C-alpha atoms as a PDB file:
ATOM      1  CA  MET A   1      64.840 279.307  67.099  1.00  0.00           C
ATOM      2  CA  THR A   2      67.051 281.616  69.175  1.00  0.00           C
ATOM      3  CA  LYS A   3      70.327 279.948  70.188  1.00  0.00           C
ATOM      4  CA  ILE A   4      70.820 279.832  73.958  1.00  0.00           C
ATOM      5  CA  GLU A   5      74.296 281.058  74.843  1.00  0.00           C
ATOM      6  CA  PRO A   6      76.469 278.792  77.024  1.00  0.00           C
ATOM      7  CA  GLY A   7      76.163 279.530  80.713  1.00  0.00           C
ATOM      8  CA  TRP A   8      74.477 278.638  83.986  1.00  0.00           C
ATOM      9  CA  TYR A   9      70.652 278.428  83.918  1.00  0.00           C
ATOM     10  CA  PRO A  10      67.899 277.045  86.188  1.00  0.00           C
ATOM     11  CA  ASP A  11      67.465 273.319  85.557  1.00  0.00           C
ATOM     12  CA  PRO A  12      64.152 272.761  83.651  1.00  0.00           C
ATOM     13  CA  ALA A  13      63.712 269.480  85.536  1.00  0.00           C
ATOM     14  CA  ASP A  14      64.377 271.029  88.975  1.00  0.00           C
ATOM     15  CA  PRO A  15      64.130 274.840  89.358  1.00  0.00           C
ATOM     16  CA  ALA A  16      65.815 274.588  92.789  1.00  0.00           C
ATOM     17  CA  VAL A  17      69.205 273.997  91.125  1.00  0.00           C
ATOM     18  CA  GLN A  18      71.141 275.443  88.194  1.00  0.00           C
ATOM     19  CA  ARG A  19      73.157 273.588  85.562  1.00  0.00           C
ATOM     20  CA  TYR A  20      75.609 274.527  82.835  1.00  0.00           C
ATOM     21  CA  TRP A  21      74.299 274.751  79.261  1.00  0.00           C
ATOM     22  CA  ASP A  22      77.143 274.341  76.707  1.00  0.00           C
ATOM     23  CA  GLY A  23      75.064 275.551  73.782  1.00  0.00           C
ATOM     24  CA  SER A  24      73.622 272.172  72.855  1.00  0.00           C
ATOM     25  CA  THR A  25      73.077 270.158  76.056  1.00  0.00           C
ATOM     26  CA  TRP A  26      73.338 270.213  79.852  1.00  0.00           C
ATOM     27  CA  ILE A  27      76.688 269.117  81.271  1.00  0.00           C
ATOM     28  CA  GLY A  28      78.333 268.660  84.673  1.00  0.00           C
ATOM     29  CA  LYS A  29      77.024 268.676  88.208  1.00  0.00           C
ATOM     30  CA  SER A  30      74.227 270.983  89.293  1.00  0.00           C
ATOM     31  CA  VAL A  31      74.567 273.585  92.061  1.00  0.00           C
ATOM     32  CA  PRO A  32      71.873 275.296  94.197  1.00  0.00           C
ATOM     33  CA  VAL A  33      70.101 278.068  92.311  1.00  0.00           C
ATOM     34  CA  ASP A  34      71.125 280.700  94.904  1.00  0.00           C
ATOM     35  CA  ALA A  35      74.809 279.625  94.999  1.00  0.00           C
ATOM     36  CA  GLU A  36      77.680 281.169  93.039  1.00  0.00           C
ATOM     37  CA  PRO A  37      78.541 278.635  90.325  1.00  0.00           C
ATOM     38  CA  PRO A  38      82.134 277.851  89.330  1.00  0.00           C
ATOM     39  CA  GLU A  39      83.535 278.981  85.977  1.00  0.00           C
ATOM     40  CA  THR A  40      83.379 275.410  84.669  1.00  0.00           C
ATOM     41  CA  PRO A  41      81.036 272.710  85.984  1.00  0.00           C
ATOM     42  CA  GLU A  42      82.362 269.699  87.842  1.00  0.00           C
ATOM     43  CA  PRO A  43      82.059 266.479  85.812  1.00  0.00           C
ATOM     44  CA  VAL A  44      79.336 264.029  86.784  1.00  0.00           C
ATOM     45  CA  GLU A  45      80.730 260.878  88.345  1.00  0.00           C
ATOM     46  CA  GLU A  46      79.971 257.783  86.295  1.00  0.00           C
ATOM     47  CA  PRO A  47      78.427 254.871  88.215  1.00  0.00           C
ATOM     48  CA  PRO A  48      80.761 251.896  88.685  1.00  0.00           C
ATOM     49  CA  PRO A  49      80.303 249.130  86.089  1.00  0.00           C
ATOM     50  CA  GLU A  50      78.317 246.072  87.112  1.00  0.00           C
ATOM     51  CA  PRO A  51      80.336 242.986  87.923  1.00  0.00           C
ATOM     52  CA  SER A  52      80.563 240.562  85.018  1.00  0.00           C
ATOM     53  CA  GLY A  53      78.046 237.755  85.186  1.00  0.00           C
ATOM     54  CA  SER A  54      75.525 239.699  87.280  1.00  0.00           C
ATOM     55  CA  ALA A  55      72.025 240.233  86.000  1.00  0.00           C
ATOM     56  CA  SER A  56      71.915 243.581  84.216  1.00  0.00           C
ATOM     57  CA  ALA A  57      68.927 245.778  85.022  1.00  0.00           C
ATOM     58  CA  GLU A  58      67.066 247.714  82.329  1.00  0.00           C
ATOM     59  CA  THR A  59      68.197 251.331  82.746  1.00  0.00           C
ATOM     60  CA  ARG A  60      65.739 252.836  80.270  1.00  0.00           C
ATOM     61  CA  PRO A  61      62.434 253.596  82.003  1.00  0.00           C
ATOM     62  CA  ILE A  62      59.559 251.592  80.559  1.00  0.00           C
ATOM     63  CA  LEU A  63      55.901 252.539  80.616  1.00  0.00           C
ATOM     64  CA  GLY A  64      54.229 250.783  83.513  1.00  0.00           C
ATOM     65  CA  GLN A  65      57.537 249.909  85.239  1.00  0.00           C
ATOM     66  CA  GLY A  66      58.457 253.155  87.022  1.00  0.00           C
ATOM     67  CA  PHE A  67      60.749 256.018  86.139  1.00  0.00           C
ATOM     68  CA  GLY A  68      63.993 254.640  87.551  1.00  0.00           C
ATOM     69  CA  GLU A  69      66.378 256.303  89.972  1.00  0.00           C
ATOM     70  CA  GLU A  70      65.797 259.781  88.514  1.00  0.00           C
ATOM     71  CA  GLY A  71      62.290 259.820  89.943  1.00  0.00           C
ATOM     72  CA  PRO A  72      59.105 261.003  88.268  1.00  0.00           C
ATOM     73  CA  PRO A  73      59.269 263.676  85.559  1.00  0.00           C
ATOM     74  CA  LYS A  74      58.845 267.247  86.760  1.00  0.00           C
ATOM     75  CA  ILE A  75      56.511 269.816  85.256  1.00  0.00           C
ATOM     76  CA  ILE A  76      57.644 273.436  85.473  1.00  0.00           C
ATOM     77  CA  GLN A  77      54.569 275.509  86.252  1.00  0.00           C
ATOM     78  CA  ARG A  78      54.196 278.715  84.279  1.00  0.00           C
ATOM     79  CA  THR A  79      54.215 281.880  86.388  1.00  0.00           C
ATOM     80  CA  PRO A  80      53.559 285.506  85.349  1.00  0.00           C
ATOM     81  CA  GLY A  81      56.482 286.838  83.353  1.00  0.00           C
ATOM     82  CA  ALA A  82      58.175 283.435  83.049  1.00  0.00           C
ATOM     83  CA  VAL A  83      59.848 282.465  79.772  1.00  0.00           C
ATOM     84  CA  GLN A  84      60.279 278.982  78.379  1.00  0.00           C
ATOM     85  CA  PRO A  85      63.402 277.334  79.852  1.00  0.00           C
ATOM     86  CA  PRO A  86      65.980 275.899  77.443  1.00  0.00           C
ATOM     87  CA  ASP A  87      65.460 272.376  76.085  1.00  0.00           C
ATOM     88  CA  THR A  88      61.816 272.137  77.169  1.00  0.00           C
ATOM     89  CA  VAL A  89      58.451 271.520  75.501  1.00  0.00           C
ATOM     90  CA  PRO A  90      55.342 273.552  76.403  1.00  0.00           C
ATOM     91  CA  ILE A  91      52.372 271.807  78.001  1.00  0.00           C
ATOM     92  CA  ARG A  92      49.091 273.292  76.808  1.00  0.00           C
ATOM     93  CA  SER A  93      45.551 273.134  78.179  1.00  0.00           C
ATOM     94  CA  LEU A  94      42.770 274.388  75.875  1.00  0.00           C
ATOM     95  CA  GLY A  95      45.452 276.028  73.750  1.00  0.00           C
ATOM     96  CA  ILE A  96      47.064 277.905  76.672  1.00  0.00           C
ATOM     97  CA  THR A  97      50.593 277.119  77.854  1.00  0.00           C
ATOM     98  CA  VAL A  98      50.370 276.114  81.527  1.00  0.00           C
ATOM     99  CA  GLY A  99      53.936 274.888  82.004  1.00  0.00           C
ATOM    100  CA  TRP A 100      56.899 273.115  80.480  1.00  0.00           C
ATOM    101  CA  ILE A 101      58.502 269.692  80.588  1.00  0.00           C
ATOM    102  CA  SER A 102      62.068 268.952  79.582  1.00  0.00           C
ATOM    103  CA  ASN A 103      62.744 267.046  76.378  1.00  0.00           C
ATOM    104  CA  ARG A 104      64.671 264.547  78.464  1.00  0.00           C
ATOM    105  CA  ASP A 105      61.606 263.808  80.590  1.00  0.00           C
ATOM    106  CA  VAL A 106      59.447 263.464  77.475  1.00  0.00           C
ATOM    107  CA  ARG A 107      61.894 260.867  76.175  1.00  0.00           C
ATOM    108  CA  ARG A 108      61.867 259.116  79.563  1.00  0.00           C
ATOM    109  CA  ILE A 109      58.069 258.936  79.587  1.00  0.00           C
ATOM    110  CA  LEU A 110      57.864 257.610  76.028  1.00  0.00           C
ATOM    111  CA  ALA A 111      60.781 255.238  76.657  1.00  0.00           C
ATOM    112  CA  GLY A 112      61.511 254.800  72.968  1.00  0.00           C
ATOM    113  CA  ARG A 113      57.865 254.479  71.941  1.00  0.00           C
ATOM    114  CA  VAL A 114      56.661 256.307  68.813  1.00  0.00           C
ATOM    115  CA  LEU A 115      53.438 258.308  69.074  1.00  0.00           C
ATOM    116  CA  ALA A 116      50.730 257.297  66.618  1.00  0.00           C
ATOM    117  CA  HIS A 117      49.884 259.641  63.754  1.00  0.00           C
ATOM    118  CA  ALA A 118      46.504 261.382  63.927  1.00  0.00           C
ATOM    119  CA  GLY A 119      45.555 259.863  60.567  1.00  0.00           C
ATOM    120  CA  ALA A 120      46.066 256.327  61.887  1.00  0.00           C
ATOM    121  CA  ARG A 121      43.881 257.118  64.895  1.00  0.00           C
ATOM    122  CA  PHE A 122      41.156 258.515  62.612  1.00  0.00           C
ATOM    123  CA  VAL A 123      41.097 255.438  60.360  1.00  0.00           C
ATOM    124  CA  ALA A 124      41.079 253.137  63.404  1.00  0.00           C
ATOM    125  CA  ARG A 125      38.082 255.025  64.804  1.00  0.00           C
ATOM    126  CA  LEU A 126      36.264 254.675  61.463  1.00  0.00           C
ATOM    127  CA  VAL A 127      36.830 250.907  61.523  1.00  0.00           C
ATOM    128  CA  ASP A 128      35.522 250.735  65.097  1.00  0.00           C
ATOM    129  CA  PHE A 129      32.498 252.835  64.102  1.00  0.00           C
ATOM    130  CA  VAL A 130      31.622 250.443  61.278  1.00  0.00           C
ATOM    131  CA  ALA A 131      32.069 247.469  63.617  1.00  0.00           C
ATOM    132  CA  LEU A 132      29.749 249.071  66.171  1.00  0.00           C
ATOM    133  CA  LEU A 133      27.152 249.760  63.473  1.00  0.00           C
ATOM    134  CA  GLY A 134      27.173 246.055  62.675  1.00  0.00           C
ATOM    135  CA  LEU A 135      26.789 245.123  66.351  1.00  0.00           C
ATOM    136  CA  ASN A 136      23.884 247.545  66.732  1.00  0.00           C
ATOM    137  CA  ALA A 137      22.195 246.183  63.605  1.00  0.00           C
ATOM    138  CA  VAL A 138      22.251 242.708  65.181  1.00  0.00           C
ATOM    139  CA  VAL A 139      21.610 243.477  68.865  1.00  0.00           C
ATOM    140  CA  ASN A 140      19.806 246.830  68.703  1.00  0.00           C
ATOM    141  CA  GLY A 141      18.019 246.438  65.372  1.00  0.00           C
ATOM    142  CA  TYR A 142      14.624 245.524  66.795  1.00  0.00           C
ATOM    143  CA  PHE A 143      14.524 248.540  69.117  1.00  0.00           C
ATOM    144  CA  ILE A 144      15.662 250.859  66.309  1.00  0.00           C
ATOM    145  CA  TRP A 145      12.804 249.500  64.167  1.00  0.00           C
ATOM    146  CA  GLU A 146      10.378 250.044  67.057  1.00  0.00           C
ATOM    147  CA  PHE A 147      11.554 253.650  67.408  1.00  0.00           C
ATOM    148  CA  PHE A 148      10.946 254.456  63.743  1.00  0.00           C
ATOM    149  CA  GLN A 149       7.595 252.698  63.874  1.00  0.00           C
ATOM    150  CA  SER A 150       6.561 254.927  66.810  1.00  0.00           C
ATOM    151  CA  ILE A 151       7.468 258.155  64.966  1.00  0.00           C
ATOM    152  CA  ARG A 152       6.098 257.092  61.577  1.00  0.00           C
ATOM    153  CA  PRO A 153       2.635 258.658  62.130  1.00  0.00           C
ATOM    154  CA  THR A 154       4.230 261.955  63.187  1.00  0.00           C
ATOM    155  CA  LEU A 155       6.522 261.987  60.137  1.00  0.00           C
ATOM    156  CA  ALA A 156       3.590 261.165  57.843  1.00  0.00           C
ATOM    157  CA  GLU A 157       1.557 264.043  59.300  1.00  0.00           C
ATOM    158  CA  ALA A 158       4.475 266.431  58.843  1.00  0.00           C
ATOM    159  CA  ALA A 159       4.815 265.337  55.203  1.00  0.00           C
ATOM    160  CA  ARG A 160       1.091 265.966  54.532  1.00  0.00           C
ATOM    161  CA  ASP A 161       1.080 269.412  56.141  1.00  0.00           C
ATOM    162  CA  PRO A 162       4.525 271.055  56.203  1.00  0.00           C
ATOM    163  CA  ASP A 163       3.003 274.305  57.537  1.00  0.00           C
ATOM    164  CA  ALA A 164       1.443 272.645  60.563  1.00  0.00           C
ATOM    165  CA  ALA A 165       2.400 273.756  64.067  1.00  0.00           C
ATOM    166  CA  GLU A 166       5.295 272.071  65.835  1.00  0.00           C
ATOM    167  CA  LEU A 167       4.607 268.360  66.064  1.00  0.00           C
ATOM    168  CA  GLN A 168       5.015 266.453  69.319  1.00  0.00           C
ATOM    169  CA  LEU A 169       6.568 262.997  69.326  1.00  0.00           C
ATOM    170  CA  PRO A 170       4.545 260.356  71.158  1.00  0.00           C
ATOM    171  CA  ASP A 171       5.707 259.167  74.579  1.00  0.00           C
ATOM    172  CA  ALA A 172       6.449 255.724  73.122  1.00  0.00           C
ATOM    173  CA  ALA A 173       8.997 257.285  70.741  1.00  0.00           C
ATOM    174  CA  SER A 174      10.877 258.914  73.633  1.00  0.00           C
ATOM    175  CA  GLY A 175      10.994 255.637  75.554  1.00  0.00           C
ATOM    176  CA  ASN A 176      12.176 253.690  72.500  1.00  0.00           C
ATOM    177  CA  TRP A 177      14.844 256.321  71.819  1.00  0.00           C
ATOM    178  CA  TRP A 178      16.350 255.969  75.291  1.00  0.00           C
ATOM    179  CA  ILE A 179      16.331 252.172  74.974  1.00  0.00           C
ATOM    180  CA  VAL A 180      18.266 252.482  71.697  1.00  0.00           C
ATOM    181  CA  ILE A 181      20.763 254.924  73.258  1.00  0.00           C
ATOM    182  CA  LEU A 182      21.401 252.808  76.379  1.00  0.00           C
ATOM    183  CA  ILE A 183      21.897 249.605  74.378  1.00  0.00           C
ATOM    184  CA  ALA A 184      24.223 251.436  71.970  1.00  0.00           C
ATOM    185  CA  MET A 185      26.308 252.750  74.883  1.00  0.00           C
ATOM    186  CA  GLY A 186      26.444 249.289  76.463  1.00  0.00           C
ATOM    187  CA  LEU A 187      27.650 247.774  73.190  1.00  0.00           C
ATOM    188  CA  TRP A 188      30.284 250.495  72.825  1.00  0.00           C
ATOM    189  CA  PHE A 189      31.544 249.873  76.353  1.00  0.00           C
ATOM    190  CA  ALA A 190      31.670 246.090  75.866  1.00  0.00           C
ATOM    191  CA  TYR A 191      33.448 246.518  72.523  1.00  0.00           C
ATOM    192  CA  GLU A 192      36.113 249.033  73.576  1.00  0.00           C
ATOM    193  CA  VAL A 193      36.972 248.884  77.266  1.00  0.00           C
ATOM    194  CA  PRO A 194      37.752 245.147  77.857  1.00  0.00           C
ATOM    195  CA  SER A 195      39.840 244.856  74.677  1.00  0.00           C
ATOM    196  CA  THR A 196      41.777 248.020  75.525  1.00  0.00           C
ATOM    197  CA  LEU A 197      42.392 246.711  79.052  1.00  0.00           C
ATOM    198  CA  ASN A 198      43.754 243.384  77.751  1.00  0.00           C
ATOM    199  CA  THR A 199      45.831 244.458  74.737  1.00  0.00           C
ATOM    200  CA  GLY A 200      45.486 248.240  74.393  1.00  0.00           C
ATOM    201  CA  GLN A 201      43.768 247.660  71.059  1.00  0.00           C
ATOM    202  CA  THR A 202      40.309 247.583  69.546  1.00  0.00           C
ATOM    203  CA  LEU A 203      39.771 246.003  66.128  1.00  0.00           C
ATOM    204  CA  GLY A 204      40.503 249.296  64.398  1.00  0.00           C
ATOM    205  CA  LYS A 205      43.698 249.944  66.357  1.00  0.00           C
ATOM    206  CA  ARG A 206      44.885 246.381  65.731  1.00  0.00           C
ATOM    207  CA  LEU A 207      44.410 246.803  61.974  1.00  0.00           C
ATOM    208  CA  MET A 208      46.275 250.141  62.043  1.00  0.00           C
ATOM    209  CA  GLY A 209      49.122 248.838  64.232  1.00  0.00           C
ATOM    210  CA  ILE A 210      48.569 251.257  67.119  1.00  0.00           C
ATOM    211  CA  LYS A 211      47.660 250.821  70.783  1.00  0.00           C
ATOM    212  CA  VAL A 212      46.672 252.713  73.940  1.00  0.00           C
ATOM    213  CA  VAL A 213      49.310 252.973  76.692  1.00  0.00           C
ATOM    214  CA  SER A 214      49.590 254.624  80.086  1.00  0.00           C
ATOM    215  CA  LEU A 215      51.843 257.658  80.479  1.00  0.00           C
ATOM    216  CA  ALA A 216      52.034 257.011  84.222  1.00  0.00           C
ATOM    217  CA  PRO A 217      54.213 254.258  85.748  1.00  0.00           C
ATOM    218  CA  VAL A 218      51.140 252.103  86.409  1.00  0.00           C
ATOM    219  CA  ASN A 219      49.259 249.730  84.177  1.00  0.00           C
ATOM    220  CA  LEU A 220      45.936 250.598  82.611  1.00  0.00           C
ATOM    221  CA  GLY A 221      43.020 249.632  84.863  1.00  0.00           C
ATOM    222  CA  TRP A 222      39.257 249.521  84.721  1.00  0.00           C
ATOM    223  CA  GLY A 223      38.835 252.900  86.423  1.00  0.00           C
ATOM    224  CA  ARG A 224      41.088 254.852  84.065  1.00  0.00           C
ATOM    225  CA  LEU A 225      39.715 253.141  80.964  1.00  0.00           C
ATOM    226  CA  LEU A 226      36.146 253.735  82.121  1.00  0.00           C
ATOM    227  CA  LEU A 227      36.994 257.430  82.496  1.00  0.00           C
ATOM    228  CA  ARG A 228      38.611 257.461  79.049  1.00  0.00           C
ATOM    229  CA  TRP A 229      35.590 255.792  77.465  1.00  0.00           C
ATOM    230  CA  ALA A 230      33.132 258.068  79.273  1.00  0.00           C
ATOM    231  CA  TYR A 231      34.723 261.230  77.898  1.00  0.00           C
ATOM    232  CA  ALA A 232      34.218 259.906  74.360  1.00  0.00           C
ATOM    233  CA  ALA A 233      30.859 258.162  74.861  1.00  0.00           C
ATOM    234  CA  LEU A 234      28.770 260.446  77.077  1.00  0.00           C
ATOM    235  CA  PRO A 235      28.191 263.029  74.303  1.00  0.00           C
ATOM    236  CA  LEU A 236      26.058 260.297  72.716  1.00  0.00           C
ATOM    237  CA  ILE A 237      23.364 261.189  75.267  1.00  0.00           C
ATOM    238  CA  CYS A 238      23.256 264.744  73.876  1.00  0.00           C
ATOM    239  CA  PHE A 239      23.131 263.629  70.235  1.00  0.00           C
ATOM    240  CA  PRO A 240      23.136 265.393  67.804  1.00  0.00           C
ATOM    241  CA  PHE A 241      24.642 268.348  69.723  1.00  0.00           C
ATOM    242  CA  GLY A 242      27.267 266.043  71.208  1.00  0.00           C
ATOM    243  CA  ALA A 243      28.660 265.543  67.703  1.00  0.00           C
ATOM    244  CA  ILE A 244      30.395 268.924  68.026  1.00  0.00           C
ATOM    245  CA  LEU A 245      32.279 267.658  71.082  1.00  0.00           C
ATOM    246  CA  TRP A 246      33.112 264.399  69.257  1.00  0.00           C
ATOM    247  CA  ILE A 247      34.688 266.341  66.405  1.00  0.00           C
ATOM    248  CA  LEU A 248      36.621 268.610  68.781  1.00  0.00           C
ATOM    249  CA  ASP A 249      37.813 265.574  70.744  1.00  0.00           C
ATOM    250  CA  GLY A 250      38.890 263.738  67.607  1.00  0.00           C
ATOM    251  CA  ILE A 251      40.948 266.555  66.097  1.00  0.00           C
ATOM    252  CA  TRP A 252      42.550 267.645  69.378  1.00  0.00           C
ATOM    253  CA  CYS A 253      45.488 265.247  68.935  1.00  0.00           C
ATOM    254  CA  THR A 254      46.532 267.023  65.723  1.00  0.00           C
ATOM    255  CA  ARG A 255      47.650 270.072  67.739  1.00  0.00           C
ATOM    256  CA  ASP A 256      48.340 268.653  71.198  1.00  0.00           C
ATOM    257  CA  ARG A 257      51.910 268.596  72.520  1.00  0.00           C
ATOM    258  CA  PRO A 258      53.961 266.828  73.627  1.00  0.00           C
ATOM    259  CA  PHE A 259      51.993 263.530  73.594  1.00  0.00           C
ATOM    260  CA  ARG A 260      49.388 264.070  70.802  1.00  0.00           C
ATOM    261  CA  GLN A 261      46.515 263.343  73.185  1.00  0.00           C
ATOM    262  CA  CYS A 262      42.837 263.638  72.358  1.00  0.00           C
ATOM    263  CA  LEU A 263      40.639 265.203  75.027  1.00  0.00           C
ATOM    264  CA  HIS A 264      39.555 261.773  76.275  1.00  0.00           C
ATOM    265  CA  ASP A 265      43.258 260.925  76.848  1.00  0.00           C
ATOM    266  CA  LYS A 266      43.895 263.864  79.167  1.00  0.00           C
ATOM    267  CA  SER A 267      42.291 262.936  82.500  1.00  0.00           C
ATOM    268  CA  PRO A 268      43.167 259.203  82.433  1.00  0.00           C
ATOM    269  CA  GLY A 269      46.737 260.002  81.331  1.00  0.00           C
ATOM    270  CA  THR A 270      46.867 257.825  78.218  1.00  0.00           C
ATOM    271  CA  ALA A 271      48.428 258.134  74.777  1.00  0.00           C
ATOM    272  CA  VAL A 272      48.293 256.136  71.558  1.00  0.00           C
ATOM    273  CA  ILE A 273      51.545 254.766  70.146  1.00  0.00           C
ATOM    274  CA  GLU A 274      52.677 252.677  67.209  1.00  0.00           C
ATOM    275  CA  VAL A 275      52.958 248.985  68.065  1.00  0.00           C
ATOM    276  CA  PRO A 276      56.663 248.010  68.161  1.00  0.00           C
ATOM    277  CA  ARG A 277      57.702 245.521  65.477  1.00  0.00           C
ATOM    278  CA  SER A 278      58.640 242.987  68.146  1.00  0.00           C
ATOM    279  CA  GLU A 279      55.059 242.985  69.414  1.00  0.00           C
ATOM    280  CA  GLU A 280      53.675 242.804  65.869  1.00  0.00           C
ATOM    281  CA  SER A 281      55.690 239.674  65.187  1.00  0.00           C
ATOM    282  CA  ILE A 282      54.405 238.068  68.385  1.00  0.00           C
ATOM    283  CA  SER A 283      50.776 238.854  67.593  1.00  0.00           C
END
């Protein structure tokens, strides 16, 4: 990477001010972007120490508990001709850089959490898929059997005469298919959403030691988790064509920055992290 020479530059977290870059980090007080900066920046005043014996507040921002006195992280919108500010990470949408966020704000949002590896997410999804297959075999098995029974005559006719004109499935097969799909979606919802709301984990995520968290300073709720589930589940209606979207959604986190989000994480503002050891010991 190109080394940024020491000097005054627009603050990545607030383009309205400029700060001094010493070659490795930002130092000193900021000044308005249109003001003439001094040769050396004024030192930042340290806050007075807390009196002994008083309850010490957690200074590191924690997911779900606000962003502290610094306020919410700021996204620098990309404009024509703009270059990436120093010490920032690009934010991409569909592979296109739409802005930047400072590394400091990324660390504030994660608050010490470690993002889950894409491989762990993939294995967790496989475990959940197998679990859902078992649930469907028990709850949805009869309707699946009814569906295949309704298309058996059509399949037998196609086997006897492969050169026959396009075969039409009976109306009963279409009705049975939609029953199977709706029950499968209901089972998926009941399996994933309540458990994610309570602990951030499905069975697969629990086995892999990862969990879903909110990137916003609010707790996960039914609305956001319903949106997250819908982005992953609705392609089931378009099966088998929806499988292409499933694959794209699943591999998106391998290239996404800075939070390794899949597509179904984007709108609800969620990410998947490794479960801290302290939480593992409790569970």
